[in-house]
Protein backbone atom coordinates (compact mmCIF):
# COMPACT_ATOMS: atom_id res chain seq x y z
CA UNK A 1 4.37 4.85 29.82
CA UNK A 2 6.63 5.92 26.96
CA UNK A 3 9.18 8.73 27.18
CA UNK A 4 10.88 10.41 24.24
CA UNK A 5 12.87 13.45 23.24
CA UNK A 6 10.97 15.93 21.10
CA UNK A 7 12.25 17.75 18.03
CA UNK A 8 12.08 21.52 18.62
CA UNK A 9 11.83 22.08 14.86
CA UNK A 10 8.51 20.20 14.81
CA UNK A 11 5.60 22.55 15.58
CA UNK A 12 3.29 19.73 16.68
CA UNK A 13 5.84 18.35 19.15
CA UNK A 14 6.57 21.80 20.54
CA UNK A 15 2.86 22.29 21.12
CA UNK A 16 2.59 18.89 22.87
CA UNK A 17 5.42 19.87 25.21
CA UNK A 18 3.81 23.13 26.30
CA UNK A 19 0.29 21.71 26.50
CA UNK A 20 1.31 19.35 29.33
CA UNK A 21 1.12 22.28 31.76
CA UNK A 22 -2.11 23.59 30.25
CA UNK A 23 -3.82 20.28 30.97
CA UNK A 24 -2.32 19.89 34.44
CA UNK A 25 -3.48 23.35 35.52
CA UNK A 26 -6.75 23.51 33.60
CA UNK A 27 -8.73 23.77 36.85
CA UNK A 28 -6.14 25.69 38.89
CA UNK A 29 -6.67 29.45 38.69
CA UNK A 30 -3.41 30.15 40.56
CA UNK A 31 -1.26 29.05 37.61
CA UNK A 32 -0.16 31.70 35.11
CA UNK A 33 0.29 30.73 31.47
CA UNK A 34 3.75 31.83 30.28
CA UNK A 35 3.85 34.26 27.40
CA UNK A 36 3.74 32.22 24.22
CA UNK A 37 6.46 34.38 22.71
CA UNK A 38 8.73 33.39 25.61
CA UNK A 39 7.94 29.72 25.01
CA UNK A 40 8.89 30.01 21.35
CA UNK A 41 12.09 31.87 22.25
CA UNK A 42 13.22 29.12 24.65
CA UNK A 43 13.23 26.62 21.80
CA UNK A 44 14.67 28.95 19.16
CA UNK A 45 18.17 27.57 18.69
CA UNK A 46 18.97 30.24 16.08
CA UNK A 47 18.18 33.28 18.23
CA UNK A 48 18.18 32.46 21.95
CA UNK A 49 21.67 33.35 23.26
CA UNK A 50 21.88 30.18 25.38
CA UNK A 51 22.36 28.07 22.27
CA UNK A 52 25.38 30.09 21.17
CA UNK A 53 27.42 28.24 23.82
CA UNK A 54 25.31 25.35 25.12
CA UNK A 55 22.60 22.82 24.29
CA UNK A 56 19.24 21.73 25.63
CA UNK A 57 16.97 18.75 25.16
CA UNK A 58 13.22 18.56 25.77
CA UNK A 59 11.46 15.36 26.82
CA UNK A 60 7.88 14.10 27.06
CA UNK A 61 6.33 11.08 28.74
CA UNK A 62 3.07 9.71 27.36
CA UNK A 63 0.39 7.49 28.82
CA UNK A 64 -1.54 5.75 26.05
CA UNK A 65 -0.39 8.41 23.61
CA UNK A 66 -1.36 11.38 25.81
CA UNK A 67 1.55 13.53 27.12
CA UNK A 68 1.43 13.54 30.93
CA UNK A 69 4.86 14.90 31.86
CA UNK A 70 7.75 16.94 30.52
CA UNK A 71 11.22 18.18 31.41
CA UNK A 72 14.12 20.03 29.78
CA UNK A 73 17.79 19.27 30.45
CA UNK A 74 20.37 22.03 29.97
CA UNK A 75 23.97 21.19 29.17
CA UNK A 76 25.30 24.63 30.10
CA UNK A 77 28.81 24.41 28.73
CA UNK A 78 29.64 27.95 29.85
CA UNK A 79 28.72 27.13 33.46
CA UNK A 80 30.60 23.81 33.39
CA UNK A 81 33.73 25.40 31.96
CA UNK A 82 33.71 28.28 34.46
CA UNK A 83 33.37 25.93 37.46
CA UNK A 84 35.19 22.92 36.00
CA UNK A 85 32.05 21.05 37.03
CA UNK A 86 30.14 18.09 35.60
CA UNK A 87 26.71 19.46 36.62
CA UNK A 88 23.80 20.17 34.32
CA UNK A 89 20.44 21.83 34.96
CA UNK A 90 16.85 20.68 34.66
CA UNK A 91 13.89 22.99 34.14
CA UNK A 92 10.27 23.15 32.94
CA UNK A 93 9.43 20.01 34.94
CA UNK A 94 5.73 19.14 34.98
CA UNK A 95 4.17 15.76 35.66
CA UNK A 96 1.02 14.06 36.84
CA UNK A 97 1.14 12.57 40.35
CA UNK A 98 2.46 9.23 39.20
CA UNK A 99 5.85 7.73 40.09
CA UNK A 100 5.91 5.53 36.99
CA UNK A 101 5.45 8.53 34.72
CA UNK A 102 8.10 10.58 36.50
CA UNK A 103 10.54 7.66 36.46
CA UNK A 104 10.08 6.97 32.75
CA UNK A 105 10.48 10.66 31.91
CA UNK A 106 13.57 11.24 34.01
CA UNK A 107 15.30 7.98 33.04
CA UNK A 108 15.38 9.10 29.40
CA UNK A 109 16.50 12.60 30.41
CA UNK A 110 19.25 11.16 32.63
CA UNK A 111 20.54 9.03 29.76
CA UNK A 112 20.88 12.09 27.51
CA UNK A 113 22.69 13.97 30.30
CA UNK A 114 25.15 11.12 30.97
CA UNK A 115 26.02 10.93 27.30
CA UNK A 116 27.26 14.51 27.58
CA UNK A 117 29.38 13.93 30.65
CA UNK A 118 26.80 15.33 33.07
CA UNK A 119 26.91 13.40 36.34
CA UNK A 120 24.83 15.72 38.52
CA UNK A 121 21.59 17.56 37.82
CA UNK A 122 20.56 20.76 39.61
CA UNK A 123 17.24 22.52 39.27
CA UNK A 124 14.90 23.85 38.43
CA UNK A 125 17.24 26.48 36.89
CA UNK A 126 16.57 28.48 33.76
CA UNK A 127 18.33 29.22 30.50
CA UNK A 128 19.70 32.61 31.64
CA UNK A 129 21.08 33.76 34.99
CA UNK A 130 18.51 35.61 37.03
CA UNK A 131 15.55 33.51 35.93
CA UNK A 132 13.49 32.09 38.78
CA UNK A 133 14.89 29.02 40.51
CA UNK A 134 13.30 26.21 42.48
CA UNK A 135 9.98 24.47 42.97
CA UNK A 136 7.30 25.98 45.18
CA UNK A 137 7.36 24.26 48.59
CA UNK A 138 5.34 26.64 50.77
CA UNK A 139 3.00 29.54 50.08
CA UNK A 140 0.68 27.86 47.58
CA UNK A 141 -2.16 30.21 48.43
CA UNK A 142 -0.04 33.37 48.27
CA UNK A 143 0.24 35.83 45.43
CA UNK A 144 3.57 34.99 43.84
CA UNK A 145 6.06 37.46 42.39
CA UNK A 146 6.12 37.46 38.62
CA UNK A 147 8.21 34.76 37.03
CA UNK A 148 8.43 32.49 40.05
CA UNK A 149 7.45 28.86 39.61
CA UNK A 150 4.04 27.63 40.68
CA UNK A 151 3.43 23.89 40.94
CA UNK A 152 1.32 21.35 42.86
CA UNK A 153 2.46 20.41 46.38
CA UNK A 154 3.13 16.79 45.34
CA UNK A 155 6.14 17.75 43.17
CA UNK A 156 8.46 17.66 46.20
CA UNK A 157 7.48 14.06 46.94
CA UNK A 158 7.70 13.14 43.26
CA UNK A 159 11.28 14.41 42.91
CA UNK A 160 12.42 12.81 46.17
CA UNK A 161 11.06 9.48 44.90
CA UNK A 162 13.37 9.89 41.90
CA UNK A 163 16.44 10.42 44.06
CA UNK A 164 16.57 14.22 44.21
CA UNK A 165 17.55 15.95 47.43
CA UNK A 166 17.35 19.52 48.67
CA UNK A 167 20.28 21.72 47.63
CA UNK A 168 19.08 25.08 49.00
CA UNK A 169 15.95 27.14 49.65
CA UNK A 170 14.94 30.59 48.46
CA UNK A 171 12.76 32.74 50.72
CA UNK A 172 10.26 35.31 49.47
CA UNK A 173 8.55 37.65 51.92
CA UNK A 174 5.69 40.10 52.15
CA UNK A 175 5.74 43.72 53.31
CA UNK A 176 2.57 45.76 53.68
CA UNK A 177 2.58 49.34 52.50
CA UNK A 178 1.16 50.34 55.89
CA UNK A 179 4.31 49.22 57.66
CA UNK A 180 6.18 51.96 59.53
CA UNK A 181 9.84 51.91 58.48
CA UNK A 182 12.08 51.66 61.59
CA UNK A 183 13.07 55.16 62.61
CA UNK A 184 16.50 53.92 63.66
CA UNK A 185 17.25 52.55 60.17
CA UNK A 186 16.02 55.75 58.50
CA UNK A 187 18.25 57.80 60.80
CA UNK A 188 21.27 55.60 60.07
CA UNK A 189 20.60 55.83 56.34
CA UNK A 190 20.47 59.64 56.49
CA UNK A 191 23.72 59.78 58.48
CA UNK A 192 25.49 57.45 56.07
CA UNK A 193 24.33 59.44 53.05
CA UNK A 194 25.87 62.56 54.52
CA UNK A 195 29.02 60.94 55.90
CA UNK A 196 29.83 58.80 52.86
CA UNK A 197 28.59 61.19 50.21
CA UNK A 198 26.07 58.77 48.74
CA UNK A 199 23.49 60.01 46.26
CA UNK A 200 20.57 58.11 44.75
CA UNK A 201 19.73 58.44 41.09
CA UNK A 202 16.20 57.52 39.99
CA UNK A 203 15.79 56.72 36.32
CA UNK A 204 13.42 58.94 34.37
CA UNK A 205 12.84 57.48 30.90
CA UNK A 206 12.95 54.22 28.95
CA UNK A 207 15.75 55.69 26.87
CA UNK A 208 17.77 56.05 30.05
CA UNK A 209 16.96 52.43 30.89
CA UNK A 210 18.28 51.34 27.49
CA UNK A 211 21.43 53.40 27.90
CA UNK A 212 22.26 51.41 31.05
CA UNK A 213 22.17 47.98 29.37
CA UNK A 214 25.87 48.06 28.36
CA UNK A 215 26.76 48.80 32.00
CA UNK A 216 24.61 45.95 33.33
CA UNK A 217 27.22 43.42 32.19
CA UNK A 218 29.92 44.87 34.44
CA UNK A 219 27.58 45.47 37.37
CA UNK A 220 26.12 41.96 37.18
CA UNK A 221 29.49 40.25 36.95
CA UNK A 222 30.80 42.23 39.92
CA UNK A 223 27.70 41.96 42.10
CA UNK A 224 27.03 38.23 41.77
CA UNK A 225 30.44 36.60 41.33
CA UNK A 226 30.33 35.15 44.87
CA UNK A 227 26.76 33.83 44.53
CA UNK A 228 26.66 30.00 44.26
CA UNK A 229 25.91 28.91 40.72
CA UNK A 230 27.20 32.12 39.14
CA UNK A 231 28.87 32.10 35.73
CA UNK A 232 29.65 35.06 33.43
CA UNK A 233 26.83 36.03 31.11
CA UNK A 234 27.47 36.83 27.48
CA UNK A 235 26.69 40.24 26.03
CA UNK A 236 23.76 38.72 24.13
CA UNK A 237 22.32 37.29 27.36
CA UNK A 238 22.73 40.66 29.05
CA UNK A 239 20.77 42.28 26.22
CA UNK A 240 17.95 39.78 26.70
CA UNK A 241 17.93 40.48 30.44
CA UNK A 242 17.94 44.22 29.80
CA UNK A 243 15.02 44.05 27.40
CA UNK A 244 13.03 41.99 29.90
CA UNK A 245 13.63 44.62 32.58
CA UNK A 246 12.48 47.38 30.22
CA UNK A 247 9.32 45.49 29.28
CA UNK A 248 8.36 44.61 32.86
CA UNK A 249 9.06 47.73 34.91
CA UNK A 250 8.96 51.51 34.83
CA UNK A 251 11.96 53.87 34.93
CA UNK A 252 11.20 55.33 38.35
CA UNK A 253 11.36 51.84 39.88
CA UNK A 254 15.08 51.56 39.11
CA UNK A 255 17.41 53.33 41.54
CA UNK A 256 21.20 53.50 41.58
CA UNK A 257 23.30 54.41 44.62
CA UNK A 258 26.38 56.43 43.64
CA UNK A 259 29.40 57.82 45.40
CA UNK A 260 30.98 60.35 43.07
CA UNK A 261 30.46 58.68 39.69
CA UNK A 262 30.80 55.08 40.86
CA UNK A 263 27.78 52.81 41.32
CA UNK A 264 27.81 51.19 44.76
CA UNK A 265 24.35 49.59 44.73
CA UNK A 266 21.15 49.18 42.77
CA UNK A 267 17.46 48.46 43.21
CA UNK A 268 15.05 47.15 40.59
CA UNK A 269 11.38 46.76 41.44
CA UNK A 270 8.60 45.51 39.20
CA UNK A 271 4.86 46.19 39.27
CA UNK A 272 3.30 42.82 39.96
CA UNK A 273 0.82 42.23 37.13
CA UNK A 274 0.10 38.58 37.89
CA UNK A 275 -3.73 38.90 37.64
CA UNK A 276 -3.45 40.46 34.18
CA UNK A 277 -0.96 37.83 33.03
CA UNK A 278 -3.37 35.15 34.17
CA UNK A 279 -6.19 36.68 32.10
CA UNK A 280 -4.28 37.03 28.83
CA UNK A 281 -3.31 33.31 28.95
CA UNK A 282 0.03 33.93 27.33
CA UNK A 283 -1.30 35.84 24.31
CA UNK A 284 -0.03 39.34 23.59
CA UNK A 285 -2.30 39.80 20.56
CA UNK A 286 -4.72 41.16 19.71
CA UNK A 287 -5.25 42.97 23.04
CA UNK A 288 -3.10 41.18 25.61
CA UNK A 289 -0.34 43.79 25.32
CA UNK A 290 -2.82 46.56 26.18
CA UNK A 291 -4.14 44.72 29.24
CA UNK A 292 -0.57 44.21 30.49
CA UNK A 293 0.40 47.82 29.83
CA UNK A 294 -2.58 49.11 31.80
CA UNK A 295 -1.87 46.64 34.61
CA UNK A 296 1.75 47.80 34.82
CA UNK A 297 0.51 51.36 35.40
CA UNK A 298 -2.26 50.44 37.85
CA UNK A 299 -0.67 47.71 39.98
CA UNK A 300 -0.55 48.30 43.73
CA UNK A 301 1.91 45.42 44.26
CA UNK A 302 5.69 45.69 43.89
CA UNK A 303 8.20 42.87 43.43
CA UNK A 304 11.68 43.80 44.69
CA UNK A 305 13.64 41.37 42.56
CA UNK A 306 17.05 42.93 42.03
CA UNK A 307 18.54 44.63 45.07
CA UNK A 308 22.23 44.55 45.81
CA UNK A 309 25.41 46.24 46.96
CA UNK A 310 28.55 45.56 44.96
CA UNK A 311 30.86 43.33 47.04
CA UNK A 312 33.72 45.81 47.38
CA UNK A 313 31.31 48.34 48.92
CA UNK A 314 29.59 46.00 51.36
CA UNK A 315 30.08 46.98 54.97
CA UNK A 316 30.11 50.70 54.11
CA UNK A 317 26.50 51.27 55.15
CA UNK A 318 25.20 51.39 51.58
CA UNK A 319 22.75 48.61 52.45
CA UNK A 320 20.93 50.92 54.89
CA UNK A 321 20.62 53.54 52.13
CA UNK A 322 19.23 50.91 49.75
CA UNK A 323 16.68 49.59 52.25
CA UNK A 324 15.58 53.18 52.90
CA UNK A 325 15.06 53.59 49.16
CA UNK A 326 13.04 50.37 49.00
CA UNK A 327 10.70 51.70 51.66
CA UNK A 328 10.42 55.09 49.93
CA UNK A 329 9.59 53.38 46.63
CA UNK A 330 6.79 51.47 48.32
CA UNK A 331 5.42 54.47 50.22
CA UNK A 332 5.72 57.17 47.58
CA UNK A 333 3.95 55.29 44.81
CA UNK A 334 0.42 53.88 44.60
CA UNK A 335 1.56 50.67 46.30
CA UNK A 336 0.00 48.80 49.19
CA UNK A 337 2.07 45.63 49.04
CA UNK A 338 5.70 44.65 48.50
CA UNK A 339 7.42 41.33 47.92
CA UNK A 340 11.11 40.73 48.66
CA UNK A 341 11.94 38.06 46.12
CA UNK A 342 14.05 34.89 46.49
CA UNK A 343 16.70 35.49 49.13
CA UNK A 344 18.90 32.42 49.37
CA UNK A 345 18.87 30.72 52.79
CA UNK A 346 22.67 31.02 53.14
CA UNK A 347 22.40 34.80 52.86
CA UNK A 348 21.96 35.30 56.60
CA UNK A 349 22.69 39.03 56.53
CA UNK A 350 20.04 39.88 53.93
CA UNK A 351 17.46 37.65 55.60
CA UNK A 352 18.07 39.33 58.95
CA UNK A 353 18.04 42.81 57.41
CA UNK A 354 14.72 42.44 55.64
CA UNK A 355 13.13 40.82 58.70
CA UNK A 356 14.16 43.93 60.63
CA UNK A 357 12.37 45.98 57.99
CA UNK A 358 9.15 44.09 58.68
CA UNK A 359 9.17 41.48 55.92
CA UNK A 360 7.28 38.27 56.73
CA UNK A 361 8.61 35.28 54.81
CA UNK A 362 5.67 33.22 53.57
CA UNK A 363 6.82 31.75 50.23
CA UNK A 364 9.51 29.10 49.83
CA UNK A 365 11.11 27.69 46.68
CA UNK A 366 13.55 24.78 46.73
CA UNK A 367 16.47 23.94 44.48
CA UNK A 368 17.24 20.21 44.14
CA UNK A 369 20.16 18.11 43.00
CA UNK A 370 20.80 14.47 42.16
CA UNK A 371 24.01 12.62 41.29
CA UNK A 372 23.59 10.48 38.18
CA UNK A 373 26.60 8.21 38.74
């Protein structure tokens, strides 16, 4: 086994890095090939906003000259400065079921991290806040929300063998469109709307979606400051997040809860187009974009992956209004299925609330950490 860092400016080495996953999942129809444009963007040090403040390194391990594993290490300087922390992130981990390969790969990655003062690795975590976290631990046969990691079951054992331990779990749950929303919750939501003066605004156009991007920065920083692992996003990162939202969802699937002219909460849902993504195999051209556009209009699955009440308004009943709106979104559209995406295990209130709404948790992702010494 031989491990090495690749040069992201070398097209052949970039291709070798991404092809590790293509070989590993060649016979697994549950894996979805990432969009190739997204892959290129992750390694584009001149344009991806992550590289404006931080650095990343990409590593391969080869067996007899054939790449059999990969990983990326993120030295997120912005995160480290905000928390005064010596942690770094790992992501894009893929490897054959071989301890020697995993050890060779991670030893080289650990060395690079230590040279930059990183003494603890956490992951999988992405380049930008809000990207999916964790390895899949349970729910391998389930339809996953878009963007969440899929991997073989042996990855948990492989990482533990390399000294990684569980940091936290993220729960994802299923809600059928046939579910009858609890009458008590609907009644409470109606009473709170009237008593508190809440109103719900549903977006109408993509232009309106774009006009909200400058406000996302403030809302994000206020809503997620208390979430473990938070750090302030740059304006450029917010623009990237905003453009992703616009490309993946429709205006009517974004709802804002107002009192007077102040946003108290928000809901973003996405049509789940996983089957179409699987078919295009990462290629938008010549006709991949059309297949995805049609799937976005025809999907009967919804991913609720962006639901929150701003901290200063929690405890005012706005959560009941938001859950009522989630149910209405599911019932009033052509949707038969809903997925409540990645609720952190420490978030007892949200887990209890969505269980009350009838969500069955059947998908589990795990975040790991390891001290490097």
